[in-house]
Amino acid sequence: MRDFVDGSAFNFEQGQRSRKLFAAVVLAALDDAIADDKKYGNGPDQIARWARSRDGREVLSCAGIDPNERVVKGLMEFVSKGVRTSVALSREESERRMAAEEEAEAA
């Protein structure tokens, strides 16, 4: 019984690592689309094409993201904002966004 529990815990851990790896691929695809948007102006279209492709759907699924049309629209919106993923995920950016929301609510 103990071996089964250890094996299950190990498999769960490996699955979590795998999801993180595929999530990093999604973030890289977002960064590439943002770069395309700045250079060519077609970033949201690029990320939508990728997310709707067979490979994109597979990567999104492996990252634990349901590859539906709502997700595609969210990815497109994120790319159109033009904020790189490393900046968007930073604590400073999060605090800045929260402060901006509080100011908007107060006004």
PDB file of N, CA and C in Angstrom:
ATOM      1  N   MET A   1       0.828  -1.194   0.000  1.00  0.00           N
ATOM      2  CA  MET A   1       0.000   0.000   0.000  1.00  0.00           C
ATOM      3  C   MET A   1       0.869   1.254   0.000  1.00  0.00           C
ATOM      4  N   ARG A   2       1.946   1.206   0.773  1.00  0.00           N
ATOM      5  CA  ARG A   2       2.816   2.373   0.866  1.00  0.00           C
ATOM      6  C   ARG A   2       3.458   2.674  -0.488  1.00  0.00           C
ATOM      7  N   ASP A   3       3.832   1.628  -1.219  1.00  0.00           N
ATOM      8  CA  ASP A   3       4.430   1.834  -2.539  1.00  0.00           C
ATOM      9  C   ASP A   3       3.440   2.485  -3.489  1.00  0.00           C
ATOM     10  N   PHE A   4       2.169   2.110  -3.375  1.00  0.00           N
ATOM     11  CA  PHE A   4       1.144   2.708  -4.237  1.00  0.00           C
ATOM     12  C   PHE A   4       1.008   4.204  -3.949  1.00  0.00           C
ATOM     13  N   VAL A   5       1.008   4.570  -2.653  1.00  0.00           N
ATOM     14  CA  VAL A   5       0.886   5.979  -2.273  1.00  0.00           C
ATOM     15  C   VAL A   5       2.104   6.751  -2.740  1.00  0.00           C
ATOM     16  N   ASP A   6       3.298   6.209  -2.548  1.00  0.00           N
ATOM     17  CA  ASP A   6       4.512   6.880  -3.000  1.00  0.00           C
ATOM     18  C   ASP A   6       4.502   7.039  -4.521  1.00  0.00           C
ATOM     19  N   GLY A   7       4.073   6.013  -5.217  1.00  0.00           N
ATOM     20  CA  GLY A   7       4.005   6.082  -6.672  1.00  0.00           C
ATOM     21  C   GLY A   7       2.994   7.104  -7.149  1.00  0.00           C
ATOM     22  N   SER A   8       1.860   7.173  -6.476  1.00  0.00           N
ATOM     23  CA  SER A   8       0.843   8.161  -6.840  1.00  0.00           C
ATOM     24  C   SER A   8       1.342   9.581  -6.587  1.00  0.00           C
ATOM     25  N   ALA A   9       2.001   9.778  -5.474  1.00  0.00           N
ATOM     26  CA  ALA A   9       2.543  11.104  -5.157  1.00  0.00           C
ATOM     27  C   ALA A   9       3.601  11.503  -6.179  1.00  0.00           C
ATOM     28  N   PHE A  10       4.440  10.557  -6.561  1.00  0.00           N
ATOM     29  CA  PHE A  10       5.473  10.831  -7.559  1.00  0.00           C
ATOM     30  C   PHE A  10       4.834  11.180  -8.899  1.00  0.00           C
ATOM     31  N   ASN A  11       3.834  10.421  -9.303  1.00  0.00           N
ATOM     32  CA  ASN A  11       3.160  10.697 -10.576  1.00  0.00           C
ATOM     33  C   ASN A  11       2.467  12.049 -10.565  1.00  0.00           C
ATOM     34  N   PHE A  12       1.844  12.395  -9.437  1.00  0.00           N
ATOM     35  CA  PHE A  12       1.191  13.691  -9.324  1.00  0.00           C
ATOM     36  C   PHE A  12       2.213  14.818  -9.452  1.00  0.00           C
ATOM     37  N   GLU A  13       3.350  14.653  -8.792  1.00  0.00           N
ATOM     38  CA  GLU A  13       4.412  15.655  -8.848  1.00  0.00           C
ATOM     39  C   GLU A  13       4.931  15.817 -10.270  1.00  0.00           C
ATOM     40  N   GLN A  14       5.125  14.705 -10.960  1.00  0.00           N
ATOM     41  CA  GLN A  14       5.597  14.757 -12.347  1.00  0.00           C
ATOM     42  C   GLN A  14       4.556  15.444 -13.229  1.00  0.00           C
ATOM     43  N   GLY A  15       3.289  15.188 -12.975  1.00  0.00           N
ATOM     44  CA  GLY A  15       2.230  15.843 -13.742  1.00  0.00           C
ATOM     45  C   GLY A  15       2.228  17.347 -13.530  1.00  0.00           C
ATOM     46  N   GLN A  16       2.448  17.766 -12.288  1.00  0.00           N
ATOM     47  CA  GLN A  16       2.505  19.195 -11.991  1.00  0.00           C
ATOM     48  C   GLN A  16       3.691  19.846 -12.709  1.00  0.00           C
ATOM     49  N   ARG A  17       4.820  19.177 -12.714  1.00  0.00           N
ATOM     50  CA  ARG A  17       5.992  19.710 -13.420  1.00  0.00           C
ATOM     51  C   ARG A  17       5.721  19.808 -14.915  1.00  0.00           C
ATOM     52  N   SER A  18       5.065  18.817 -15.439  1.00  0.00           N
ATOM     53  CA  SER A  18       4.727  18.826 -16.865  1.00  0.00           C
ATOM     54  C   SER A  18       3.802  19.992 -17.192  1.00  0.00           C
ATOM     55  N   ARG A  19       2.797  20.228 -16.357  1.00  0.00           N
ATOM     56  CA  ARG A  19       1.884  21.352 -16.583  1.00  0.00           C
ATOM     57  C   ARG A  19       2.627  22.683 -16.552  1.00  0.00           C
ATOM     58  N   LYS A  20       3.565  22.824 -15.636  1.00  0.00           N
ATOM     59  CA  LYS A  20       4.347  24.056 -15.549  1.00  0.00           C
ATOM     60  C   LYS A  20       5.191  24.254 -16.810  1.00  0.00           C
ATOM     61  N   LEU A  21       5.737  23.166 -17.325  1.00  0.00           N
ATOM     62  CA  LEU A  21       6.526  23.246 -18.548  1.00  0.00           C
ATOM     63  C   LEU A  21       5.660  23.719 -19.719  1.00  0.00           C
ATOM     64  N   PHE A  22       4.482  23.140 -19.858  1.00  0.00           N
ATOM     65  CA  PHE A  22       3.606  23.550 -20.951  1.00  0.00           C
ATOM     66  C   PHE A  22       3.068  24.961 -20.743  1.00  0.00           C
ATOM     67  N   ALA A  23       2.880  25.371 -19.484  1.00  0.00           N
ATOM     68  CA  ALA A  23       2.463  26.753 -19.204  1.00  0.00           C
ATOM     69  C   ALA A  23       3.553  27.720 -19.649  1.00  0.00           C
ATOM     70  N   ALA A  24       4.809  27.331 -19.487  1.00  0.00           N
ATOM     71  CA  ALA A  24       5.910  28.172 -19.952  1.00  0.00           C
ATOM     72  C   ALA A  24       5.888  28.300 -21.470  1.00  0.00           C
ATOM     73  N   VAL A  25       5.499  27.249 -22.155  1.00  0.00           N
ATOM     74  CA  VAL A  25       5.384  27.308 -23.620  1.00  0.00           C
ATOM     75  C   VAL A  25       4.271  28.280 -24.014  1.00  0.00           C
ATOM     76  N   VAL A  26       3.166  28.266 -23.287  1.00  0.00           N
ATOM     77  CA  VAL A  26       2.071  29.207 -23.561  1.00  0.00           C
ATOM     78  C   VAL A  26       2.550  30.637 -23.343  1.00  0.00           C
ATOM     79  N   LEU A  27       3.288  30.883 -22.262  1.00  0.00           N
ATOM     80  CA  LEU A  27       3.813  32.226 -22.014  1.00  0.00           C
ATOM     81  C   LEU A  27       4.775  32.662 -23.108  1.00  0.00           C
ATOM     82  N   ALA A  28       5.598  31.739 -23.595  1.00  0.00           N
ATOM     83  CA  ALA A  28       6.512  32.068 -24.691  1.00  0.00           C
ATOM     84  C   ALA A  28       5.737  32.401 -25.964  1.00  0.00           C
ATOM     85  N   ALA A  29       4.660  31.669 -26.220  1.00  0.00           N
ATOM     86  CA  ALA A  29       3.833  31.959 -27.398  1.00  0.00           C
ATOM     87  C   ALA A  29       3.201  33.343 -27.272  1.00  0.00           C
ATOM     88  N   LEU A  30       2.771  33.700 -26.065  1.00  0.00           N
ATOM     89  CA  LEU A  30       2.216  35.038 -25.841  1.00  0.00           C
ATOM     90  C   LEU A  30       3.267  36.117 -26.087  1.00  0.00           C
ATOM     91  N   ASP A  31       4.469  35.903 -25.572  1.00  0.00           N
ATOM     92  CA  ASP A  31       5.545  36.873 -25.798  1.00  0.00           C
ATOM     93  C   ASP A  31       5.871  37.009 -27.286  1.00  0.00           C
ATOM     94  N   ASP A  32       5.889  35.901 -28.000  1.00  0.00           N
ATOM     95  CA  ASP A  32       6.134  35.950 -29.446  1.00  0.00           C
ATOM     96  C   ASP A  32       5.043  36.730 -30.168  1.00  0.00           C
ATOM     97  N   ALA A  33       3.809  36.514 -29.756  1.00  0.00           N
ATOM     98  CA  ALA A  33       2.693  37.229 -30.392  1.00  0.00           C
ATOM     99  C   ALA A  33       2.752  38.724 -30.073  1.00  0.00           C
ATOM    100  N   ILE A  34       3.171  39.076 -28.859  1.00  0.00           N
ATOM    101  CA  ILE A  34       3.311  40.489 -28.495  1.00  0.00           C
ATOM    102  C   ILE A  34       4.412  41.127 -29.332  1.00  0.00           C
ATOM    103  N   ALA A  35       5.521  40.409 -29.526  1.00  0.00           N
ATOM    104  CA  ALA A  35       6.601  40.925 -30.370  1.00  0.00           C
ATOM    105  C   ALA A  35       6.115  41.104 -31.811  1.00  0.00           C
ATOM    106  N   ASP A  36       5.343  40.142 -32.320  1.00  0.00           N
ATOM    107  CA  ASP A  36       4.773  40.271 -33.661  1.00  0.00           C
ATOM    108  C   ASP A  36       3.833  41.459 -33.750  1.00  0.00           C
ATOM    109  N   ASP A  37       3.071  41.692 -32.686  1.00  0.00           N
ATOM    110  CA  ASP A  37       2.128  42.804 -32.682  1.00  0.00           C
ATOM    111  C   ASP A  37       2.872  44.135 -32.760  1.00  0.00           C
ATOM    112  N   LYS A  38       3.981  44.245 -32.041  1.00  0.00           N
ATOM    113  CA  LYS A  38       4.758  45.486 -32.072  1.00  0.00           C
ATOM    114  C   LYS A  38       5.454  45.678 -33.412  1.00  0.00           C
ATOM    115  N   LYS A  39       5.886  44.571 -34.013  1.00  0.00           N
ATOM    116  CA  LYS A  39       6.652  44.662 -35.255  1.00  0.00           C
ATOM    117  C   LYS A  39       5.749  44.721 -36.491  1.00  0.00           C
ATOM    118  N   TYR A  40       4.747  43.856 -36.555  1.00  0.00           N
ATOM    119  CA  TYR A  40       3.916  43.741 -37.750  1.00  0.00           C
ATOM    120  C   TYR A  40       2.459  44.152 -37.538  1.00  0.00           C
ATOM    121  N   GLY A  41       2.021  44.253 -36.284  1.00  0.00           N
ATOM    122  CA  GLY A  41       0.651  44.637 -36.002  1.00  0.00           C
ATOM    123  C   GLY A  41      -0.362  43.516 -36.097  1.00  0.00           C
ATOM    124  N   ASN A  42       0.097  42.261 -36.100  1.00  0.00           N
ATOM    125  CA  ASN A  42      -0.835  41.136 -36.230  1.00  0.00           C
ATOM    126  C   ASN A  42      -0.740  40.147 -35.066  1.00  0.00           C
ATOM    127  N   GLY A  43      -0.347  40.614 -33.911  1.00  0.00           N
ATOM    128  CA  GLY A  43      -0.159  39.734 -32.750  1.00  0.00           C
ATOM    129  C   GLY A  43      -1.406  38.994 -32.309  1.00  0.00           C
ATOM    130  N   PRO A  44      -2.542  39.691 -32.122  1.00  0.00           N
ATOM    131  CA  PRO A  44      -3.748  38.970 -31.699  1.00  0.00           C
ATOM    132  C   PRO A  44      -4.182  37.899 -32.707  1.00  0.00           C
ATOM    133  N   ASP A  45      -4.017  38.188 -33.982  1.00  0.00           N
ATOM    134  CA  ASP A  45      -4.364  37.187 -35.001  1.00  0.00           C
ATOM    135  C   ASP A  45      -3.429  35.983 -34.929  1.00  0.00           C
ATOM    136  N   GLN A  46      -2.151  36.249 -34.665  1.00  0.00           N
ATOM    137  CA  GLN A  46      -1.169  35.163 -34.576  1.00  0.00           C
ATOM    138  C   GLN A  46      -1.466  34.237 -33.402  1.00  0.00           C
ATOM    139  N   ILE A  47      -1.751  34.824 -32.241  1.00  0.00           N
ATOM    140  CA  ILE A  47      -2.009  33.978 -31.064  1.00  0.00           C
ATOM    141  C   ILE A  47      -3.318  33.217 -31.239  1.00  0.00           C
ATOM    142  N   ALA A  48      -4.300  33.838 -31.890  1.00  0.00           N
ATOM    143  CA  ALA A  48      -5.572  33.149 -32.133  1.00  0.00           C
ATOM    144  C   ALA A  48      -5.361  31.982 -33.088  1.00  0.00           C
ATOM    145  N   ARG A  49      -4.581  32.200 -34.120  1.00  0.00           N
ATOM    146  CA  ARG A  49      -4.307  31.125 -35.079  1.00  0.00           C
ATOM    147  C   ARG A  49      -3.582  29.974 -34.385  1.00  0.00           C
ATOM    148  N   TRP A  50      -2.604  30.327 -33.518  1.00  0.00           N
ATOM    149  CA  TRP A  50      -1.865  29.288 -32.805  1.00  0.00           C
ATOM    150  C   TRP A  50      -2.783  28.537 -31.839  1.00  0.00           C
ATOM    151  N   ALA A  51      -3.584  29.282 -31.067  1.00  0.00           N
ATOM    152  CA  ALA A  51      -4.429  28.643 -30.054  1.00  0.00           C
ATOM    153  C   ALA A  51      -5.496  27.755 -30.678  1.00  0.00           C
ATOM    154  N   ARG A  52      -5.926  28.093 -31.882  1.00  0.00           N
ATOM    155  CA  ARG A  52      -6.938  27.282 -32.554  1.00  0.00           C
ATOM    156  C   ARG A  52      -6.335  26.114 -33.331  1.00  0.00           C
ATOM    157  N   SER A  53      -5.016  26.148 -33.522  1.00  0.00           N
ATOM    158  CA  SER A  53      -4.367  25.062 -34.253  1.00  0.00           C
ATOM    159  C   SER A  53      -4.333  23.795 -33.405  1.00  0.00           C
ATOM    160  N   ARG A  54      -4.055  22.694 -34.054  1.00  0.00           N
ATOM    161  CA  ARG A  54      -3.993  21.414 -33.337  1.00  0.00           C
ATOM    162  C   ARG A  54      -2.890  21.434 -32.284  1.00  0.00           C
ATOM    163  N   ASP A  55      -1.718  21.946 -32.655  1.00  0.00           N
ATOM    164  CA  ASP A  55      -0.609  22.010 -31.698  1.00  0.00           C
ATOM    165  C   ASP A  55      -0.932  22.944 -30.536  1.00  0.00           C
ATOM    166  N   GLY A  56      -1.528  24.074 -30.850  1.00  0.00           N
ATOM    167  CA  GLY A  56      -1.874  25.030 -29.800  1.00  0.00           C
ATOM    168  C   GLY A  56      -2.878  24.461 -28.819  1.00  0.00           C
ATOM    169  N   ARG A  57      -3.901  23.792 -29.348  1.00  0.00           N
ATOM    170  CA  ARG A  57      -4.898  23.172 -28.465  1.00  0.00           C
ATOM    171  C   ARG A  57      -4.255  22.111 -27.593  1.00  0.00           C
ATOM    172  N   GLU A  58      -3.338  21.369 -28.162  1.00  0.00           N
ATOM    173  CA  GLU A  58      -2.648  20.320 -27.401  1.00  0.00           C
ATOM    174  C   GLU A  58      -1.805  20.928 -26.278  1.00  0.00           C
ATOM    175  N   VAL A  59      -1.064  21.990 -26.583  1.00  0.00           N
ATOM    176  CA  VAL A  59      -0.226  22.643 -25.572  1.00  0.00           C
ATOM    177  C   VAL A  59      -1.093  23.249 -24.482  1.00  0.00           C
ATOM    178  N   LEU A  60      -2.168  23.929 -24.867  1.00  0.00           N
ATOM    179  CA  LEU A  60      -3.068  24.511 -23.868  1.00  0.00           C
ATOM    180  C   LEU A  60      -3.653  23.428 -22.964  1.00  0.00           C
ATOM    181  N   SER A  61      -4.060  22.319 -23.549  1.00  0.00           N
ATOM    182  CA  SER A  61      -4.613  21.215 -22.749  1.00  0.00           C
ATOM    183  C   SER A  61      -3.579  20.659 -21.786  1.00  0.00           C
ATOM    184  N   CYS A  62      -2.360  20.474 -22.258  1.00  0.00           N
ATOM    185  CA  CYS A  62      -1.304  19.939 -21.399  1.00  0.00           C
ATOM    186  C   CYS A  62      -0.922  20.929 -20.298  1.00  0.00           C
ATOM    187  N   ALA A  63      -1.163  22.219 -20.534  1.00  0.00           N
ATOM    188  CA  ALA A  63      -0.894  23.231 -19.512  1.00  0.00           C
ATOM    189  C   ALA A  63      -2.033  23.333 -18.509  1.00  0.00           C
ATOM    190  N   GLY A  64      -3.100  22.569 -18.740  1.00  0.00           N
ATOM    191  CA  GLY A  64      -4.236  22.606 -17.832  1.00  0.00           C
ATOM    192  C   GLY A  64      -5.238  23.693 -18.171  1.00  0.00           C
ATOM    193  N   ILE A  65      -5.191  24.186 -19.415  1.00  0.00           N
ATOM    194  CA  ILE A  65      -6.086  25.248 -19.868  1.00  0.00           C
ATOM    195  C   ILE A  65      -7.049  24.649 -20.888  1.00  0.00           C
ATOM    196  N   ASP A  66      -8.340  24.860 -20.679  1.00  0.00           N
ATOM    197  CA  ASP A  66      -9.338  24.350 -21.620  1.00  0.00           C
ATOM    198  C   ASP A  66      -9.280  25.184 -22.898  1.00  0.00           C
ATOM    199  N   PRO A  67      -8.936  24.591 -24.031  1.00  0.00           N
ATOM    200  CA  PRO A  67      -8.751  25.371 -25.266  1.00  0.00           C
ATOM    201  C   PRO A  67     -10.079  25.714 -25.949  1.00  0.00           C
ATOM    202  N   ASN A  68     -10.870  26.571 -25.324  1.00  0.00           N
ATOM    203  CA  ASN A  68     -12.137  26.955 -25.933  1.00  0.00           C
ATOM    204  C   ASN A  68     -12.046  28.375 -26.487  1.00  0.00           C
ATOM    205  N   GLU A  69     -13.111  28.842 -27.082  1.00  0.00           N
ATOM    206  CA  GLU A  69     -13.098  30.153 -27.748  1.00  0.00           C
ATOM    207  C   GLU A  69     -12.949  31.293 -26.734  1.00  0.00           C
ATOM    208  N   ARG A  70     -13.453  31.119 -25.546  1.00  0.00           N
ATOM    209  CA  ARG A  70     -13.296  32.145 -24.512  1.00  0.00           C
ATOM    210  C   ARG A  70     -11.824  32.341 -24.166  1.00  0.00           C
ATOM    211  N   VAL A  71     -11.087  31.261 -24.092  1.00  0.00           N
ATOM    212  CA  VAL A  71      -9.655  31.335 -23.816  1.00  0.00           C
ATOM    213  C   VAL A  71      -8.936  32.041 -24.957  1.00  0.00           C
ATOM    214  N   VAL A  72      -9.307  31.714 -26.193  1.00  0.00           N
ATOM    215  CA  VAL A  72      -8.681  32.346 -27.361  1.00  0.00           C
ATOM    216  C   VAL A  72      -8.903  33.854 -27.317  1.00  0.00           C
ATOM    217  N   LYS A  73     -10.113  34.272 -27.007  1.00  0.00           N
ATOM    218  CA  LYS A  73     -10.416  35.707 -26.915  1.00  0.00           C
ATOM    219  C   LYS A  73      -9.605  36.363 -25.796  1.00  0.00           C
ATOM    220  N   GLY A  74      -9.442  35.678 -24.682  1.00  0.00           N
ATOM    221  CA  GLY A  74      -8.626  36.199 -23.584  1.00  0.00           C
ATOM    222  C   GLY A  74      -7.166  36.345 -23.975  1.00  0.00           C
ATOM    223  N   LEU A  75      -6.640  35.359 -24.695  1.00  0.00           N
ATOM    224  CA  LEU A  75      -5.261  35.441 -25.171  1.00  0.00           C
ATOM    225  C   LEU A  75      -5.097  36.611 -26.136  1.00  0.00           C
ATOM    226  N   MET A  76      -6.073  36.784 -27.022  1.00  0.00           N
ATOM    227  CA  MET A  76      -6.024  37.891 -27.980  1.00  0.00           C
ATOM    228  C   MET A  76      -6.054  39.238 -27.251  1.00  0.00           C
ATOM    229  N   GLU A  77      -6.893  39.342 -26.244  1.00  0.00           N
ATOM    230  CA  GLU A  77      -6.982  40.583 -25.472  1.00  0.00           C
ATOM    231  C   GLU A  77      -5.670  40.862 -24.744  1.00  0.00           C
ATOM    232  N   PHE A  78      -5.072  39.823 -24.179  1.00  0.00           N
ATOM    233  CA  PHE A  78      -3.797  39.986 -23.479  1.00  0.00           C
ATOM    234  C   PHE A  78      -2.728  40.491 -24.436  1.00  0.00           C
ATOM    235  N   VAL A  79      -2.673  39.909 -25.628  1.00  0.00           N
ATOM    236  CA  VAL A  79      -1.666  40.316 -26.610  1.00  0.00           C
ATOM    237  C   VAL A  79      -1.913  41.751 -27.061  1.00  0.00           C
ATOM    238  N   SER A  80      -3.167  42.119 -27.236  1.00  0.00           N
ATOM    239  CA  SER A  80      -3.459  43.468 -27.710  1.00  0.00           C
ATOM    240  C   SER A  80      -3.072  44.540 -26.692  1.00  0.00           C
ATOM    241  N   LYS A  81      -3.015  44.171 -25.402  1.00  0.00           N
ATOM    242  CA  LYS A  81      -2.567  45.131 -24.382  1.00  0.00           C
ATOM    243  C   LYS A  81      -1.080  45.415 -24.514  1.00  0.00           C
ATOM    244  N   GLY A  82      -0.309  44.474 -25.037  1.00  0.00           N
ATOM    245  CA  GLY A  82       1.108  44.695 -25.305  1.00  0.00           C
ATOM    246  C   GLY A  82       2.026  44.620 -24.104  1.00  0.00           C
ATOM    247  N   VAL A  83       1.570  44.062 -22.999  1.00  0.00           N
ATOM    248  CA  VAL A  83       2.405  43.940 -21.799  1.00  0.00           C
ATOM    249  C   VAL A  83       3.047  42.558 -21.808  1.00  0.00           C
ATOM    250  N   ARG A  84       4.363  42.510 -21.801  1.00  0.00           N
ATOM    251  CA  ARG A  84       5.067  41.228 -21.824  1.00  0.00           C
ATOM    252  C   ARG A  84       4.683  40.393 -20.605  1.00  0.00           C
ATOM    253  N   THR A  85       4.736  39.088 -20.757  1.00  0.00           N
ATOM    254  CA  THR A  85       4.289  38.202 -19.678  1.00  0.00           C
ATOM    255  C   THR A  85       5.149  38.350 -18.429  1.00  0.00           C
ATOM    256  N   SER A  86       6.450  38.569 -18.589  1.00  0.00           N
ATOM    257  CA  SER A  86       7.317  38.716 -17.419  1.00  0.00           C
ATOM    258  C   SER A  86       6.938  39.959 -16.619  1.00  0.00           C
ATOM    259  N   VAL A  87       6.520  41.007 -17.304  1.00  0.00           N
ATOM    260  CA  VAL A  87       6.097  42.230 -16.627  1.00  0.00           C
ATOM    261  C   VAL A  87       4.715  42.035 -16.015  1.00  0.00           C
ATOM    262  N   ALA A  88       3.812  41.424 -16.766  1.00  0.00           N
ATOM    263  CA  ALA A  88       2.439  41.231 -16.300  1.00  0.00           C
ATOM    264  C   ALA A  88       2.386  40.341 -15.064  1.00  0.00           C
ATOM    265  N   LEU A  89       3.309  39.416 -14.946  1.00  0.00           N
ATOM    266  CA  LEU A  89       3.316  38.504 -13.808  1.00  0.00           C
ATOM    267  C   LEU A  89       4.136  39.013 -12.627  1.00  0.00           C
ATOM    268  N   SER A  90       4.761  40.170 -12.779  1.00  0.00           N
ATOM    269  CA  SER A  90       5.598  40.693 -11.699  1.00  0.00           C
ATOM    270  C   SER A  90       4.742  41.317 -10.605  1.00  0.00           C
ATOM    271  N   ARG A  91       5.282  41.395  -9.444  1.00  0.00           N
ATOM    272  CA  ARG A  91       4.577  41.956  -8.297  1.00  0.00           C
ATOM    273  C   ARG A  91       4.324  43.451  -8.486  1.00  0.00           C
ATOM    274  N   GLU A  92       5.298  44.174  -9.071  1.00  0.00           N
ATOM    275  CA  GLU A  92       5.142  45.611  -9.259  1.00  0.00           C
ATOM    276  C   GLU A  92       3.969  45.919 -10.181  1.00  0.00           C
ATOM    277  N   GLU A  93       3.850  45.163 -11.249  1.00  0.00           N
ATOM    278  CA  GLU A  93       2.749  45.379 -12.190  1.00  0.00           C
ATOM    279  C   GLU A  93       1.410  45.073 -11.526  1.00  0.00           C
ATOM    280  N   SER A  94       1.375  44.024 -10.731  1.00  0.00           N
ATOM    281  CA  SER A  94       0.149  43.667 -10.030  1.00  0.00           C
ATOM    282  C   SER A  94      -0.254  44.774  -9.057  1.00  0.00           C
ATOM    283  N   GLU A  95       0.706  45.299  -8.325  1.00  0.00           N
ATOM    284  CA  GLU A  95       0.413  46.383  -7.387  1.00  0.00           C
ATOM    285  C   GLU A  95      -0.032  47.645  -8.126  1.00  0.00           C
ATOM    286  N   ARG A  96       0.580  47.936  -9.275  1.00  0.00           N
ATOM    287  CA  ARG A  96       0.208  49.109 -10.057  1.00  0.00           C
ATOM    288  C   ARG A  96      -1.221  48.989 -10.562  1.00  0.00           C
ATOM    289  N   ARG A  97      -1.580  47.790 -11.039  1.00  0.00           N
ATOM    290  CA  ARG A  97      -2.944  47.555 -11.533  1.00  0.00           C
ATOM    291  C   ARG A  97      -3.968  47.691 -10.410  1.00  0.00           C
ATOM    292  N   MET A  98      -3.645  47.145  -9.241  1.00  0.00           N
ATOM    293  CA  MET A  98      -4.559  47.250  -8.100  1.00  0.00           C
ATOM    294  C   MET A  98      -4.755  48.710  -7.690  1.00  0.00           C
ATOM    295  N   ALA A  99      -3.674  49.493  -7.688  1.00  0.00           N
ATOM    296  CA  ALA A  99      -3.774  50.907  -7.334  1.00  0.00           C
ATOM    297  C   ALA A  99      -4.623  51.659  -8.356  1.00  0.00           C
ATOM    298  N   ALA A 100      -4.450  51.340  -9.629  1.00  0.00           N
ATOM    299  CA  ALA A 100      -5.241  51.988 -10.680  1.00  0.00           C
ATOM    300  C   ALA A 100      -6.722  51.645 -10.540  1.00  0.00           C
ATOM    301  N   GLU A 101      -7.025  50.393 -10.199  1.00  0.00           N
ATOM    302  CA  GLU A 101      -8.419  49.995  -9.998  1.00  0.00           C
ATOM    303  C   GLU A 101      -9.044  50.706  -8.796  1.00  0.00           C
ATOM    304  N   GLU A 102      -8.266  50.850  -7.713  1.00  0.00           N
ATOM    305  CA  GLU A 102      -8.772  51.539  -6.531  1.00  0.00           C
ATOM    306  C   GLU A 102      -9.043  53.012  -6.832  1.00  0.00           C
ATOM    307  N   GLU A 103      -8.146  53.642  -7.618  1.00  0.00           N
ATOM    308  CA  GLU A 103      -8.369  55.034  -8.003  1.00  0.00           C
ATOM    309  C   GLU A 103      -9.603  55.178  -8.868  1.00  0.00           C
ATOM    310  N   ALA A 104      -9.824  54.231  -9.757  1.00  0.00           N
ATOM    311  CA  ALA A 104     -10.987  54.281 -10.630  1.00  0.00           C
ATOM    312  C   ALA A 104     -12.276  54.111  -9.836  1.00  0.00           C
ATOM    313  N   GLU A 105     -12.256  53.269  -8.818  1.00  0.00           N
ATOM    314  CA  GLU A 105     -13.429  53.058  -7.978  1.00  0.00           C
ATOM    315  C   GLU A 105     -13.715  54.281  -7.120  1.00  0.00           C
ATOM    316  N   ALA A 106     -12.669  54.948  -6.651  1.00  0.00           N
ATOM    317  CA  ALA A 106     -12.823  56.125  -5.798  1.00  0.00           C
ATOM    318  C   ALA A 106     -13.370  57.318  -6.591  1.00  0.00           C
ATOM    319  N   ALA A 107     -13.060  57.375  -7.864  1.00  0.00           N
ATOM    320  CA  ALA A 107     -13.496  58.536  -8.686  1.00  0.00           C
ATOM    321  C   ALA A 107     -14.914  58.417  -9.166  1.00  0.00           C
TER     322      ALA A 107
END
